[in-house]
Protein backbone atom coordinates (compact mmCIF):
# COMPACT_ATOMS: atom_id res chain seq x y z
CA MET A 1 4.16 4.02 -18.27
CA ILE A 2 3.20 1.87 -15.28
CA ARG A 3 6.28 3.08 -13.37
CA ARG A 4 5.41 6.75 -14.03
CA THR A 5 1.82 6.09 -12.96
CA CYS A 6 3.01 4.37 -9.79
CA LEU A 7 5.42 7.19 -9.00
CA ARG A 8 2.66 9.77 -9.58
CA LEU A 9 0.23 7.76 -7.47
CA GLY A 10 2.89 7.28 -4.79
CA ALA A 11 3.46 11.03 -4.63
CA THR A 12 -0.26 11.66 -4.46
CA ALA A 13 -0.66 8.99 -1.79
CA SER A 14 2.00 10.55 0.40
CA VAL A 15 0.45 13.99 -0.01
CA ILE A 16 -3.02 12.94 1.04
CA GLY A 17 -2.13 9.95 3.21
CA LEU A 18 -3.53 7.15 1.03
CA LEU A 19 -2.16 3.70 0.46
CA ALA A 20 -2.38 3.43 -3.33
CA ALA A 21 -2.15 0.20 -5.27
CA CYS A 22 0.68 0.43 -7.82
CA ALA A 23 0.72 -3.02 -9.33
CA PRO A 24 -0.96 -3.69 -12.66
CA SER A 25 -4.46 -4.70 -11.74
CA GLY A 26 -7.90 -5.77 -12.86
CA SER A 27 -8.24 -3.16 -15.60
CA GLY A 28 -5.62 -4.91 -17.71
CA SER A 29 -7.15 -8.35 -17.26
CA GLY A 30 -10.73 -7.28 -17.77
CA ASP A 31 -11.81 -8.16 -14.22
CA THR A 32 -14.94 -6.33 -13.09
CA ILE A 33 -15.45 -4.82 -9.64
CA VAL A 34 -17.21 -8.02 -8.57
CA GLU A 35 -14.38 -10.24 -9.83
CA VAL A 36 -11.68 -8.08 -8.23
CA ALA A 37 -13.56 -8.06 -4.91
CA SER A 38 -14.13 -11.81 -5.08
CA ALA A 39 -10.47 -12.52 -5.80
CA ALA A 40 -9.37 -10.37 -2.85
CA GLY A 41 -11.13 -12.73 -0.44
CA SER A 42 -11.98 -10.04 2.13
CA PHE A 43 -15.31 -8.88 0.70
CA ASN A 44 -17.45 -12.01 1.10
CA THR A 45 -20.14 -10.23 3.13
CA LEU A 46 -20.29 -7.33 0.67
CA LEU A 47 -20.66 -9.74 -2.24
CA ALA A 48 -23.32 -11.78 -0.41
CA ALA A 49 -25.23 -8.57 0.29
CA ALA A 50 -24.89 -7.46 -3.35
CA THR A 51 -26.26 -10.83 -4.41
CA ALA A 52 -29.22 -10.56 -2.02
CA ALA A 53 -29.91 -7.03 -3.29
CA ASP A 54 -29.72 -8.14 -6.96
CA LEU A 55 -26.85 -5.68 -7.58
CA VAL A 56 -24.19 -8.09 -8.84
CA ALA A 57 -25.20 -7.75 -12.49
CA THR A 58 -25.07 -3.97 -12.18
CA LEU A 59 -21.58 -4.09 -10.64
CA GLN A 60 -20.49 -6.35 -13.51
CA SER A 61 -21.85 -3.97 -16.14
CA PRO A 62 -19.61 -1.49 -17.99
CA GLY A 63 -20.26 1.27 -15.45
CA PRO A 64 -17.99 2.94 -14.64
CA PHE A 65 -18.41 2.94 -10.87
CA THR A 66 -16.44 3.91 -7.80
CA VAL A 67 -17.11 1.59 -4.87
CA PHE A 68 -16.23 2.38 -1.27
CA ALA A 69 -15.95 -1.28 -0.28
CA PRO A 70 -16.20 -2.28 3.39
CA THR A 71 -14.28 -5.40 4.34
CA ASP A 72 -15.72 -8.45 6.04
CA ALA A 73 -14.27 -7.08 9.30
CA ALA A 74 -16.21 -3.85 8.78
CA PHE A 75 -19.46 -5.79 8.45
CA ALA A 76 -18.55 -7.90 11.51
CA ALA A 77 -18.17 -4.68 13.54
CA LEU A 78 -21.84 -3.76 12.99
CA PRO A 79 -24.19 -4.42 15.92
CA ALA A 80 -25.14 -8.09 16.26
CA GLY A 81 -27.90 -9.11 13.88
CA THR A 82 -27.63 -6.08 11.58
CA VAL A 83 -26.33 -7.98 8.55
CA ASP A 84 -28.75 -10.87 9.06
CA THR A 85 -31.66 -8.42 9.31
CA LEU A 86 -30.60 -6.54 6.17
CA LEU A 87 -30.33 -9.81 4.25
CA LEU A 88 -33.95 -10.75 4.94
CA PRO A 89 -36.07 -10.54 1.77
CA GLU A 90 -38.50 -8.10 3.38
CA ASN A 91 -35.59 -5.68 4.00
CA LYS A 92 -34.28 -5.69 0.43
CA ASP A 93 -35.06 -1.98 -0.08
CA ASP A 94 -33.05 -1.08 3.02
CA LEU A 95 -30.18 -3.30 1.86
CA VAL A 96 -30.18 -1.68 -1.58
CA ALA A 97 -30.13 1.76 0.08
CA VAL A 98 -27.11 0.82 2.21
CA LEU A 99 -25.18 -0.77 -0.66
CA THR A 100 -25.87 1.98 -3.19
CA TYR A 101 -24.68 4.52 -0.59
CA HIS A 102 -21.24 2.92 -1.15
CA VAL A 103 -21.31 3.44 -4.94
CA VAL A 104 -20.54 6.60 -6.90
CA PRO A 105 -21.31 6.81 -10.61
CA GLY A 106 -18.13 7.34 -12.64
CA ILE A 107 -14.52 6.96 -11.58
CA ALA A 108 -13.19 8.90 -8.60
CA ARG A 109 -9.55 8.12 -7.94
CA ALA A 110 -7.56 9.32 -4.95
CA ALA A 111 -5.93 12.06 -7.01
CA ASP A 112 -9.38 13.49 -7.77
CA PHE A 113 -9.81 14.61 -4.15
CA PRO A 114 -7.85 17.71 -3.15
CA ALA A 115 -5.53 17.35 -0.17
CA GLY A 116 -6.67 19.07 3.01
CA ALA A 117 -10.29 19.43 1.92
CA ARG A 118 -13.76 17.99 2.36
CA SER A 119 -15.68 17.03 -0.77
CA ALA A 120 -19.32 16.02 -1.05
CA VAL A 121 -19.78 13.20 -3.54
CA ALA A 122 -23.20 12.05 -4.78
CA THR A 123 -23.84 8.32 -4.46
CA VAL A 124 -26.04 6.09 -6.58
CA ASN A 125 -28.74 6.11 -3.89
CA GLY A 126 -29.12 9.89 -4.26
CA GLU A 127 -27.45 10.92 -1.01
CA SER A 128 -23.94 12.32 -0.72
CA VAL A 129 -20.94 11.07 1.22
CA THR A 130 -18.19 13.36 2.45
CA VAL A 131 -14.63 12.54 1.45
CA ASP A 132 -12.35 14.21 3.99
CA THR A 133 -8.62 14.55 3.28
CA THR A 134 -7.79 16.92 6.14
CA SER A 135 -6.27 14.17 8.31
CA GLY A 136 -5.70 11.01 6.33
CA VAL A 137 -8.62 10.06 4.11
CA THR A 138 -12.08 9.20 5.36
CA VAL A 139 -15.47 8.73 3.75
CA ASP A 140 -18.25 9.67 6.16
CA GLY A 141 -15.85 8.74 8.97
CA ALA A 142 -14.72 5.41 7.49
CA THR A 143 -10.98 5.25 6.91
CA VAL A 144 -9.79 4.48 3.39
CA VAL A 145 -7.24 1.73 4.00
CA THR A 146 -6.45 1.02 0.34
CA ALA A 147 -7.25 3.35 -2.54
CA ASP A 148 -7.42 3.02 -6.31
CA VAL A 149 -7.87 -0.72 -6.73
CA GLU A 150 -8.54 -0.81 -10.46
CA ALA A 151 -11.19 -2.89 -12.18
CA SER A 152 -12.27 -2.97 -15.81
CA ASN A 153 -15.48 -1.11 -14.96
CA GLY A 154 -14.29 1.25 -12.24
CA VAL A 155 -12.27 1.62 -9.09
CA ILE A 156 -12.50 0.32 -5.53
CA HIS A 157 -11.47 2.13 -2.36
CA VAL A 158 -11.30 -0.27 0.59
CA ILE A 159 -12.85 1.15 3.78
CA ASP A 160 -12.85 -0.07 7.38
CA THR A 161 -16.47 0.76 8.26
CA VAL A 162 -19.86 0.12 6.68
CA LEU A 163 -21.45 3.42 5.63
CA LEU A 164 -25.05 3.88 6.69
CA PRO A 165 -27.23 6.46 4.94
């Protein structure tokens, strides 16, 4: 079963240019999005921001959710002081808006997006992101570097840029 899934995902990945994860993952072990992200070690800023925004409990809930997760390097590429400013208590609403712009209710796997197309996807914050598969895969211009990282309560797509609503 896992081999067939990996082969199917591999074929889909080559068609739309995604790097899909084919190893058994968090969904089998019961790891939530937060636990999977924490174990990866490259989402410390995202997790710190989720903590400051009081969103960790939500991302540990049953969901399901799809998270377009920027890496620590993506946060580091923001203009100097941006992250520090967003983490200030008086900017919590802005931080929540940015983080929830990265979250889609439900599960949206790579295979759910047609090759060679642009798809608008509603985020938790009420705005939509555009998933573009016409040349590789991007989400509002951020490149999806790893797709379909499974968690017990959803799926993570790793992106190289922080999305700003």
